[in-house]
Amino acid sequence: MHRKRRPTAPLATLVAAALLAAGTAQAQVNDPRFRDYFLVGEFGEVCTMCEVAVLCQAGDAPPPADTVPAAGDFTLYMLHTRTFWSQVSTIWDWFISNFSSTPLVGGHDRPVTEYNVANGAWAAPTEHSMHISLEPALLAMDDGKEVDRVNRRWQRTGTGEALGYCARLPLWDTLEVIEARAPRGAQP
């Protein structure tokens, strides 16, 4: 007794069409309009499992991006990996981005630890949420501060009052500095 096989051509055609559409559509993260934005890399927007170290400091230009300052006043933001549900939503966002850029342009939220340093003294870290979006081009913290992703200007949300500028630091070196300098027992 042989079973009659269903034709697979319609299914194969549908899958091929979807892959072709996905391959030919320009995904938002590789859109040349956003290529030079702060924290957009070679492969697009900040990945879901990536941690990022951002140094913000008073001044008229972005601070040097080679290491955490040994002294002075500055704020260090450690952007953590996206939460579980935020990562799950990424699968949908990436799929939809092949047809519409809206999900990726609007951005996502991720947890961030803020380290404030005054005269070289590290205060206990505080936990925040950061909204990372491409339009508007901002890294917006829930504490009333934001970073303009076009010019890396650090400013107050709403008023635009200048606080300084920001730069991305090397992750592993920054984590070593945090381990050595942040108040014990206060690290995430």
N, C-alpha and C. Protein backbone atom coordinates (compact mmCIF):
# COMPACT_ATOMS: atom_id res chain seq x y z
N MET A 1 0.85 -1.17 0.00
CA MET A 1 0.00 0.00 0.00
C MET A 1 0.90 1.24 0.00
N HIS A 2 0.74 2.04 -0.97
CA HIS A 2 1.52 3.27 -1.08
C HIS A 2 0.63 4.47 -0.79
N ARG A 3 1.21 5.37 -0.05
CA ARG A 3 0.49 6.63 0.21
C ARG A 3 0.79 7.60 -0.92
N LYS A 4 -0.21 8.31 -1.25
CA LYS A 4 -0.04 9.32 -2.27
C LYS A 4 0.66 10.52 -1.63
N ARG A 5 1.74 10.94 -2.23
CA ARG A 5 2.49 12.08 -1.69
C ARG A 5 1.87 13.38 -2.16
N ARG A 6 1.88 14.32 -1.26
CA ARG A 6 1.37 15.65 -1.61
C ARG A 6 2.45 16.39 -2.39
N PRO A 7 2.06 17.17 -3.30
CA PRO A 7 3.06 17.93 -4.06
C PRO A 7 3.76 18.93 -3.14
N THR A 8 5.08 18.96 -3.22
CA THR A 8 5.85 19.88 -2.38
C THR A 8 6.24 21.14 -3.13
N ALA A 9 5.97 21.20 -4.40
CA ALA A 9 6.35 22.36 -5.19
C ALA A 9 5.75 23.66 -4.65
N PRO A 10 4.46 23.71 -4.30
CA PRO A 10 3.92 24.98 -3.78
C PRO A 10 4.62 25.42 -2.49
N LEU A 11 4.92 24.49 -1.59
CA LEU A 11 5.60 24.83 -0.35
C LEU A 11 7.01 25.30 -0.65
N ALA A 12 7.71 24.58 -1.50
CA ALA A 12 9.08 24.96 -1.86
C ALA A 12 9.10 26.33 -2.53
N THR A 13 8.12 26.61 -3.36
CA THR A 13 8.04 27.90 -4.05
C THR A 13 7.81 29.02 -3.03
N LEU A 14 6.94 28.77 -2.06
CA LEU A 14 6.66 29.76 -1.03
C LEU A 14 7.91 30.05 -0.20
N VAL A 15 8.62 29.02 0.22
CA VAL A 15 9.84 29.19 1.01
C VAL A 15 10.89 29.94 0.19
N ALA A 16 11.07 29.55 -1.07
CA ALA A 16 12.05 30.22 -1.93
C ALA A 16 11.70 31.70 -2.11
N ALA A 17 10.43 31.99 -2.29
CA ALA A 17 10.00 33.39 -2.45
C ALA A 17 10.28 34.20 -1.19
N ALA A 18 10.01 33.60 -0.04
CA ALA A 18 10.27 34.30 1.22
C ALA A 18 11.76 34.56 1.40
N LEU A 19 12.60 33.57 1.08
CA LEU A 19 14.04 33.76 1.20
C LEU A 19 14.55 34.80 0.21
N LEU A 20 14.02 34.79 -0.98
CA LEU A 20 14.41 35.77 -1.98
C LEU A 20 14.02 37.17 -1.52
N ALA A 21 12.83 37.31 -1.01
CA ALA A 21 12.38 38.62 -0.52
C ALA A 21 13.26 39.07 0.64
N ALA A 22 13.58 38.14 1.52
CA ALA A 22 14.43 38.48 2.66
C ALA A 22 15.83 38.86 2.20
N GLY A 23 16.32 38.19 1.18
CA GLY A 23 17.66 38.47 0.70
C GLY A 23 17.76 39.74 -0.11
N THR A 24 16.68 40.12 -0.79
CA THR A 24 16.74 41.31 -1.63
C THR A 24 16.29 42.56 -0.91
N ALA A 25 15.46 42.40 0.10
CA ALA A 25 15.02 43.58 0.86
C ALA A 25 16.19 44.08 1.69
N GLN A 26 16.28 45.37 1.86
CA GLN A 26 17.38 45.92 2.64
C GLN A 26 16.94 46.04 4.09
N ALA A 27 17.55 45.23 4.93
CA ALA A 27 17.22 45.25 6.34
C ALA A 27 17.65 46.59 6.94
N GLN A 28 16.87 47.07 7.89
CA GLN A 28 17.10 48.36 8.52
C GLN A 28 18.50 48.50 9.10
N VAL A 29 19.02 47.46 9.73
CA VAL A 29 20.29 47.60 10.43
C VAL A 29 21.44 47.88 9.49
N ASN A 30 21.29 47.56 8.22
CA ASN A 30 22.35 47.83 7.25
C ASN A 30 22.03 49.03 6.37
N ASP A 31 21.03 49.79 6.73
CA ASP A 31 20.63 50.96 5.97
C ASP A 31 21.76 51.99 6.05
N PRO A 32 22.25 52.48 4.92
CA PRO A 32 23.35 53.43 4.93
C PRO A 32 23.04 54.73 5.67
N ARG A 33 21.77 55.07 5.85
CA ARG A 33 21.42 56.28 6.60
C ARG A 33 21.92 56.22 8.03
N PHE A 34 22.06 55.02 8.59
CA PHE A 34 22.41 54.88 10.00
C PHE A 34 23.84 54.37 10.22
N ARG A 35 24.59 54.20 9.15
CA ARG A 35 25.92 53.60 9.22
C ARG A 35 26.85 54.32 10.20
N ASP A 36 26.79 55.64 10.28
CA ASP A 36 27.71 56.41 11.11
C ASP A 36 27.16 56.73 12.49
N TYR A 37 26.02 56.20 12.83
CA TYR A 37 25.44 56.45 14.14
C TYR A 37 26.30 55.82 15.24
N PHE A 38 26.32 56.47 16.39
CA PHE A 38 27.02 55.96 17.56
C PHE A 38 26.44 54.60 17.95
N LEU A 39 27.27 53.61 18.12
CA LEU A 39 26.97 52.23 18.50
C LEU A 39 26.37 51.40 17.37
N VAL A 40 26.43 51.88 16.14
CA VAL A 40 26.08 51.03 14.99
C VAL A 40 27.40 50.54 14.43
N GLY A 41 27.52 49.23 14.28
CA GLY A 41 28.77 48.66 13.81
C GLY A 41 28.66 48.09 12.42
N GLU A 42 29.66 47.34 12.05
CA GLU A 42 29.75 46.74 10.73
C GLU A 42 28.53 45.89 10.39
N PHE A 43 27.98 45.23 11.41
CA PHE A 43 26.86 44.33 11.17
C PHE A 43 25.53 44.93 11.62
N GLY A 44 25.50 46.23 11.81
CA GLY A 44 24.26 46.89 12.14
C GLY A 44 24.17 47.30 13.59
N GLU A 45 22.94 47.36 14.09
CA GLU A 45 22.64 47.82 15.43
C GLU A 45 23.27 46.92 16.48
N VAL A 46 23.39 47.45 17.71
CA VAL A 46 23.96 46.71 18.83
C VAL A 46 23.27 45.35 18.96
N CYS A 47 24.04 44.26 18.98
CA CYS A 47 23.45 42.92 19.01
C CYS A 47 22.76 42.64 20.35
N THR A 48 21.87 41.67 20.34
CA THR A 48 21.07 41.37 21.53
C THR A 48 21.90 40.82 22.68
N MET A 49 22.97 40.11 22.36
CA MET A 49 23.79 39.48 23.40
C MET A 49 25.07 40.26 23.70
N CYS A 50 25.21 41.45 23.13
CA CYS A 50 26.41 42.26 23.33
C CYS A 50 26.27 43.17 24.54
N GLU A 51 27.38 43.30 25.26
CA GLU A 51 27.47 44.32 26.29
C GLU A 51 28.33 45.43 25.71
N VAL A 52 28.04 46.66 26.12
CA VAL A 52 28.74 47.81 25.58
C VAL A 52 29.11 48.75 26.73
N ALA A 53 30.33 49.28 26.69
CA ALA A 53 30.79 50.24 27.68
C ALA A 53 30.83 51.62 27.02
N VAL A 54 30.14 52.59 27.62
CA VAL A 54 30.07 53.95 27.08
C VAL A 54 30.55 54.92 28.16
N LEU A 55 31.55 55.72 27.80
CA LEU A 55 32.10 56.75 28.68
C LEU A 55 31.52 58.10 28.27
N CYS A 56 30.94 58.83 29.23
CA CYS A 56 30.42 60.17 28.97
C CYS A 56 31.12 61.13 29.92
N GLN A 57 31.54 62.28 29.34
CA GLN A 57 32.34 63.22 30.11
C GLN A 57 32.07 64.63 29.63
N ALA A 58 32.16 65.60 30.56
CA ALA A 58 31.99 67.00 30.20
C ALA A 58 33.09 67.39 29.22
N GLY A 59 32.76 68.31 28.32
CA GLY A 59 33.74 68.79 27.35
C GLY A 59 33.08 69.13 26.04
N ASP A 60 33.90 69.61 25.10
CA ASP A 60 33.40 70.05 23.81
C ASP A 60 33.60 69.04 22.70
N ALA A 61 34.10 67.86 23.03
CA ALA A 61 34.34 66.81 22.04
C ALA A 61 34.28 65.45 22.75
N PRO A 62 34.05 64.39 21.98
CA PRO A 62 34.04 63.05 22.60
C PRO A 62 35.36 62.76 23.31
N PRO A 63 35.30 62.11 24.49
CA PRO A 63 36.52 61.79 25.22
C PRO A 63 37.31 60.70 24.49
N PRO A 64 38.60 60.56 24.83
CA PRO A 64 39.38 59.47 24.24
C PRO A 64 38.71 58.13 24.53
N ALA A 65 38.75 57.25 23.55
CA ALA A 65 38.01 55.98 23.66
C ALA A 65 38.93 54.79 23.87
N ASP A 66 40.09 55.01 24.46
CA ASP A 66 41.02 53.89 24.62
C ASP A 66 40.94 53.22 25.99
N THR A 67 40.58 53.97 27.03
CA THR A 67 40.53 53.39 28.37
C THR A 67 39.68 54.25 29.30
N VAL A 68 39.28 53.68 30.42
CA VAL A 68 38.55 54.42 31.46
C VAL A 68 39.54 55.40 32.10
N PRO A 69 39.16 56.68 32.26
CA PRO A 69 40.08 57.64 32.88
C PRO A 69 40.50 57.20 34.28
N ALA A 70 41.73 57.48 34.64
CA ALA A 70 42.25 57.12 35.96
C ALA A 70 41.75 58.08 37.04
N ALA A 71 41.38 59.29 36.65
CA ALA A 71 40.92 60.30 37.61
C ALA A 71 39.93 61.22 36.91
N GLY A 72 39.40 62.16 37.69
CA GLY A 72 38.49 63.14 37.10
C GLY A 72 37.03 62.80 37.32
N ASP A 73 36.19 63.53 36.61
CA ASP A 73 34.74 63.35 36.70
C ASP A 73 34.23 62.77 35.38
N PHE A 74 33.43 61.72 35.47
CA PHE A 74 32.84 61.10 34.28
C PHE A 74 31.74 60.14 34.70
N THR A 75 30.97 59.72 33.72
CA THR A 75 29.93 58.71 33.93
C THR A 75 30.21 57.57 32.97
N LEU A 76 30.12 56.38 33.48
CA LEU A 76 30.33 55.17 32.68
C LEU A 76 29.02 54.40 32.66
N TYR A 77 28.55 54.11 31.44
CA TYR A 77 27.33 53.32 31.28
C TYR A 77 27.72 51.94 30.75
N MET A 78 27.28 50.90 31.45
CA MET A 78 27.47 49.52 30.98
C MET A 78 26.12 49.03 30.47
N LEU A 79 25.99 48.97 29.14
CA LEU A 79 24.77 48.46 28.52
C LEU A 79 24.84 46.94 28.55
N HIS A 80 23.85 46.31 29.15
CA HIS A 80 23.84 44.86 29.30
C HIS A 80 23.09 44.21 28.14
N THR A 81 23.19 42.91 28.08
CA THR A 81 22.46 42.18 27.05
C THR A 81 20.97 42.43 27.23
N ARG A 82 20.24 42.31 26.14
CA ARG A 82 18.80 42.51 26.22
C ARG A 82 18.17 41.45 27.11
N THR A 83 17.05 41.80 27.71
CA THR A 83 16.34 40.84 28.56
C THR A 83 15.82 39.69 27.71
N PHE A 84 15.42 38.62 28.36
CA PHE A 84 14.95 37.43 27.65
C PHE A 84 13.83 37.75 26.68
N TRP A 85 12.79 38.44 27.15
CA TRP A 85 11.65 38.72 26.28
C TRP A 85 12.00 39.72 25.19
N SER A 86 12.91 40.62 25.50
CA SER A 86 13.37 41.57 24.49
C SER A 86 14.13 40.84 23.39
N GLN A 87 14.91 39.82 23.79
CA GLN A 87 15.62 39.02 22.79
C GLN A 87 14.66 38.20 21.95
N VAL A 88 13.63 37.66 22.58
CA VAL A 88 12.64 36.89 21.83
C VAL A 88 11.98 37.79 20.78
N SER A 89 11.66 39.01 21.16
CA SER A 89 11.02 39.92 20.20
C SER A 89 11.95 40.26 19.04
N THR A 90 13.26 40.12 19.24
CA THR A 90 14.22 40.42 18.19
C THR A 90 14.03 39.54 16.97
N ILE A 91 13.69 38.28 17.20
CA ILE A 91 13.47 37.37 16.07
C ILE A 91 12.38 37.92 15.17
N TRP A 92 11.30 38.36 15.75
CA TRP A 92 10.20 38.94 14.98
C TRP A 92 10.66 40.23 14.31
N ASP A 93 11.36 41.09 15.06
CA ASP A 93 11.83 42.36 14.50
C ASP A 93 12.71 42.15 13.28
N TRP A 94 13.63 41.19 13.37
CA TRP A 94 14.54 40.93 12.26
C TRP A 94 13.78 40.38 11.06
N PHE A 95 12.83 39.53 11.30
CA PHE A 95 12.05 39.00 10.18
C PHE A 95 11.28 40.13 9.51
N ILE A 96 10.58 40.93 10.30
CA ILE A 96 9.77 42.01 9.77
C ILE A 96 10.65 43.07 9.11
N SER A 97 11.90 43.26 9.59
CA SER A 97 12.76 44.29 9.02
C SER A 97 13.08 44.05 7.55
N ASN A 98 12.87 42.84 7.08
CA ASN A 98 13.07 42.56 5.67
C ASN A 98 11.95 43.14 4.81
N PHE A 99 10.85 43.50 5.44
CA PHE A 99 9.71 44.04 4.72
C PHE A 99 9.37 45.46 5.17
N SER A 100 9.66 45.77 6.43
CA SER A 100 9.38 47.10 6.98
C SER A 100 10.43 47.43 8.02
N SER A 101 10.95 48.63 7.99
CA SER A 101 12.00 49.01 8.93
C SER A 101 11.45 49.52 10.26
N THR A 102 10.16 49.62 10.40
CA THR A 102 9.56 50.21 11.59
C THR A 102 10.01 49.61 12.91
N PRO A 103 10.04 48.27 13.08
CA PRO A 103 10.44 47.73 14.38
C PRO A 103 11.85 48.11 14.81
N LEU A 104 12.79 48.12 13.89
CA LEU A 104 14.16 48.42 14.26
C LEU A 104 14.41 49.91 14.42
N VAL A 105 13.73 50.73 13.65
CA VAL A 105 13.87 52.18 13.76
C VAL A 105 13.38 52.64 15.12
N GLY A 106 12.27 52.08 15.58
CA GLY A 106 11.69 52.46 16.87
C GLY A 106 12.54 52.09 18.06
N GLY A 107 13.42 51.11 17.89
CA GLY A 107 14.37 50.76 18.92
C GLY A 107 13.91 49.70 19.90
N HIS A 108 14.71 49.57 20.94
CA HIS A 108 14.45 48.58 21.98
C HIS A 108 15.00 49.11 23.30
N ASP A 109 14.59 48.46 24.38
CA ASP A 109 15.07 48.81 25.72
C ASP A 109 16.06 47.76 26.18
N ARG A 110 17.01 48.19 26.98
CA ARG A 110 17.90 47.24 27.61
C ARG A 110 18.38 47.79 28.95
N PRO A 111 18.74 46.88 29.86
CA PRO A 111 19.22 47.34 31.16
C PRO A 111 20.60 47.97 31.05
N VAL A 112 20.86 48.96 31.90
CA VAL A 112 22.16 49.63 31.91
C VAL A 112 22.55 49.94 33.35
N THR A 113 23.82 49.78 33.64
CA THR A 113 24.34 50.15 34.96
C THR A 113 25.13 51.44 34.79
N GLU A 114 24.83 52.42 35.64
CA GLU A 114 25.49 53.72 35.58
C GLU A 114 26.48 53.83 36.74
N TYR A 115 27.73 54.16 36.39
CA TYR A 115 28.79 54.41 37.38
C TYR A 115 29.15 55.88 37.30
N ASN A 116 28.92 56.62 38.38
CA ASN A 116 29.31 58.03 38.43
C ASN A 116 30.62 58.15 39.20
N VAL A 117 31.55 58.88 38.62
CA VAL A 117 32.87 59.06 39.23
C VAL A 117 33.11 60.56 39.37
N ALA A 118 33.39 60.99 40.61
CA ALA A 118 33.68 62.39 40.89
C ALA A 118 35.04 62.49 41.56
N ASN A 119 35.92 63.27 40.99
CA ASN A 119 37.29 63.41 41.49
C ASN A 119 37.96 62.06 41.67
N GLY A 120 37.68 61.13 40.78
CA GLY A 120 38.31 59.81 40.82
C GLY A 120 37.65 58.84 41.80
N ALA A 121 36.65 59.29 42.56
CA ALA A 121 35.96 58.43 43.54
C ALA A 121 34.71 57.83 42.90
N TRP A 122 34.63 56.52 42.93
CA TRP A 122 33.50 55.81 42.32
C TRP A 122 32.35 55.69 43.31
N ALA A 123 31.18 56.19 42.91
CA ALA A 123 29.96 56.03 43.72
C ALA A 123 29.38 54.64 43.43
N ALA A 124 28.50 54.18 44.30
CA ALA A 124 27.83 52.91 44.07
C ALA A 124 27.04 52.99 42.76
N PRO A 125 27.04 51.94 41.98
CA PRO A 125 26.33 51.97 40.70
C PRO A 125 24.82 52.01 40.89
N THR A 126 24.16 52.55 39.88
CA THR A 126 22.70 52.56 39.87
C THR A 126 22.21 51.86 38.61
N GLU A 127 21.07 51.20 38.74
CA GLU A 127 20.50 50.45 37.62
C GLU A 127 19.44 51.29 36.92
N HIS A 128 19.47 51.26 35.60
CA HIS A 128 18.53 52.03 34.79
C HIS A 128 18.08 51.20 33.60
N SER A 129 17.23 51.82 32.83
CA SER A 129 16.81 51.27 31.54
C SER A 129 17.19 52.29 30.49
N MET A 130 17.62 51.79 29.33
CA MET A 130 17.99 52.68 28.23
C MET A 130 17.18 52.28 27.01
N HIS A 131 16.63 53.27 26.34
CA HIS A 131 15.94 53.02 25.07
C HIS A 131 16.89 53.40 23.95
N ILE A 132 17.18 52.44 23.08
CA ILE A 132 18.10 52.64 21.97
C ILE A 132 17.26 52.70 20.70
N SER A 133 17.27 53.84 20.03
CA SER A 133 16.48 53.97 18.81
C SER A 133 17.30 54.63 17.70
N LEU A 134 16.85 54.41 16.47
CA LEU A 134 17.48 55.03 15.31
C LEU A 134 16.76 56.29 14.89
N GLU A 135 15.46 56.34 15.10
CA GLU A 135 14.65 57.52 14.84
C GLU A 135 13.65 57.69 15.97
N PRO A 136 13.83 58.62 16.89
CA PRO A 136 14.92 59.58 16.90
C PRO A 136 16.25 58.90 17.22
N ALA A 137 17.33 59.51 16.79
CA ALA A 137 18.67 58.94 16.94
C ALA A 137 19.19 59.20 18.35
N LEU A 138 18.68 58.41 19.31
CA LEU A 138 19.01 58.65 20.71
C LEU A 138 19.26 57.36 21.49
N LEU A 139 20.11 57.49 22.49
CA LEU A 139 20.21 56.53 23.59
C LEU A 139 19.59 57.27 24.76
N ALA A 140 18.39 56.89 25.17
CA ALA A 140 17.66 57.64 26.18
C ALA A 140 17.57 56.85 27.48
N MET A 141 18.19 57.37 28.54
CA MET A 141 18.13 56.74 29.85
C MET A 141 16.88 57.18 30.59
N ASP A 142 16.45 56.35 31.51
CA ASP A 142 15.25 56.68 32.28
C ASP A 142 15.54 57.67 33.40
N ASP A 143 16.79 58.18 33.47
CA ASP A 143 17.13 59.15 34.51
C ASP A 143 17.19 60.58 33.99
N GLY A 144 16.66 60.80 32.76
CA GLY A 144 16.60 62.15 32.22
C GLY A 144 17.81 62.57 31.43
N LYS A 145 18.68 61.63 31.07
CA LYS A 145 19.84 61.94 30.24
C LYS A 145 19.73 61.14 28.95
N GLU A 146 20.35 61.67 27.89
CA GLU A 146 20.34 60.98 26.61
C GLU A 146 21.63 61.28 25.85
N VAL A 147 21.90 60.42 24.87
CA VAL A 147 23.06 60.62 23.99
C VAL A 147 22.53 60.69 22.56
N ASP A 148 22.89 61.77 21.87
CA ASP A 148 22.54 61.94 20.47
C ASP A 148 23.44 60.99 19.67
N ARG A 149 22.85 60.08 18.91
CA ARG A 149 23.62 59.07 18.20
C ARG A 149 24.30 59.60 16.95
N VAL A 150 23.96 60.79 16.52
CA VAL A 150 24.60 61.37 15.34
C VAL A 150 25.92 62.03 15.72
N ASN A 151 25.91 62.85 16.78
CA ASN A 151 27.11 63.59 17.15
C ASN A 151 27.71 63.17 18.50
N ARG A 152 27.11 62.18 19.16
CA ARG A 152 27.56 61.64 20.45
C ARG A 152 27.47 62.66 21.60
N ARG A 153 26.63 63.67 21.44
CA ARG A 153 26.44 64.68 22.49
C ARG A 153 25.61 64.09 23.61
N TRP A 154 26.08 64.26 24.83
CA TRP A 154 25.41 63.82 26.05
C TRP A 154 24.62 65.02 26.55
N GLN A 155 23.32 64.83 26.81
CA GLN A 155 22.48 65.98 27.13
C GLN A 155 21.31 65.57 28.02
N ARG A 156 20.65 66.59 28.55
CA ARG A 156 19.43 66.35 29.35
C ARG A 156 18.26 66.15 28.40
N THR A 157 17.43 65.16 28.72
CA THR A 157 16.25 64.87 27.92
C THR A 157 15.28 66.04 28.00
N GLY A 158 14.72 66.40 26.87
CA GLY A 158 13.72 67.47 26.83
C GLY A 158 14.31 68.84 26.66
N THR A 159 15.28 69.22 27.50
CA THR A 159 15.85 70.57 27.42
C THR A 159 17.02 70.64 26.45
N GLY A 160 17.71 69.55 26.23
CA GLY A 160 18.88 69.56 25.36
C GLY A 160 20.09 70.19 26.01
N GLU A 161 20.01 70.45 27.33
CA GLU A 161 21.15 71.04 28.04
C GLU A 161 22.37 70.13 27.88
N ALA A 162 23.46 70.71 27.40
CA ALA A 162 24.67 69.95 27.14
C ALA A 162 25.33 69.49 28.45
N LEU A 163 25.68 68.20 28.48
CA LEU A 163 26.42 67.64 29.61
C LEU A 163 27.84 67.28 29.20
N GLY A 164 28.05 67.07 27.90
CA GLY A 164 29.36 66.67 27.39
C GLY A 164 29.20 65.79 26.17
N TYR A 165 30.12 64.84 26.02
CA TYR A 165 30.10 63.91 24.90
C TYR A 165 30.44 62.50 25.37
N CYS A 166 30.17 61.52 24.52
CA CYS A 166 30.37 60.11 24.89
C CYS A 166 31.22 59.38 23.86
N ALA A 167 31.85 58.30 24.30
CA ALA A 167 32.65 57.44 23.44
C ALA A 167 32.48 56.00 23.89
N ARG A 168 32.62 55.07 22.96
CA ARG A 168 32.56 53.64 23.28
C ARG A 168 33.95 53.19 23.71
N LEU A 169 34.01 52.47 24.82
CA LEU A 169 35.27 51.97 25.36
C LEU A 169 35.45 50.49 25.05
N PRO A 170 36.69 50.01 25.07
CA PRO A 170 36.92 48.57 24.91
C PRO A 170 36.26 47.81 26.07
N LEU A 171 35.47 46.80 25.75
CA LEU A 171 34.66 46.13 26.76
C LEU A 171 35.48 45.44 27.84
N TRP A 172 36.40 44.56 27.45
CA TRP A 172 37.10 43.74 28.45
C TRP A 172 37.97 44.59 29.36
N ASP A 173 38.65 45.60 28.83
CA ASP A 173 39.46 46.48 29.66
C ASP A 173 38.58 47.25 30.64
N THR A 174 37.41 47.69 30.17
CA THR A 174 36.49 48.43 31.02
C THR A 174 35.96 47.56 32.15
N LEU A 175 35.62 46.30 31.84
CA LEU A 175 35.15 45.39 32.89
C LEU A 175 36.22 45.16 33.95
N GLU A 176 37.48 45.09 33.57
CA GLU A 176 38.57 44.94 34.53
C GLU A 176 38.67 46.16 35.43
N VAL A 177 38.53 47.36 34.86
CA VAL A 177 38.58 48.59 35.65
C VAL A 177 37.41 48.63 36.62
N ILE A 178 36.23 48.28 36.17
CA ILE A 178 35.06 48.27 37.05
C ILE A 178 35.29 47.30 38.21
N GLU A 179 35.79 46.13 37.92
CA GLU A 179 36.07 45.13 38.95
C GLU A 179 37.04 45.67 39.99
N ALA A 180 38.04 46.43 39.54
CA ALA A 180 39.06 46.93 40.45
C ALA A 180 38.63 48.19 41.20
N ARG A 181 37.81 49.04 40.60
CA ARG A 181 37.52 50.35 41.19
C ARG A 181 36.13 50.54 41.76
N ALA A 182 35.14 49.85 41.22
CA ALA A 182 33.77 50.06 41.71
C ALA A 182 33.66 49.55 43.15
N PRO A 183 32.80 50.19 43.92
CA PRO A 183 32.62 49.75 45.31
C PRO A 183 32.27 48.25 45.36
N ARG A 184 32.94 47.52 46.21
CA ARG A 184 32.73 46.06 46.35
C ARG A 184 31.29 45.75 46.73
N GLY A 185 30.78 44.68 46.18
CA GLY A 185 29.44 44.23 46.49
C GLY A 185 28.38 45.04 45.76
N ALA A 186 28.78 46.04 44.99
CA ALA A 186 27.80 46.86 44.32
C ALA A 186 27.77 46.61 42.82
N GLN A 187 28.55 45.65 42.37
CA GLN A 187 28.57 45.38 40.93
C GLN A 187 27.46 44.43 40.56
N PRO A 188 26.93 44.60 39.35
CA PRO A 188 25.85 43.72 38.92
C PRO A 188 26.35 42.31 38.66
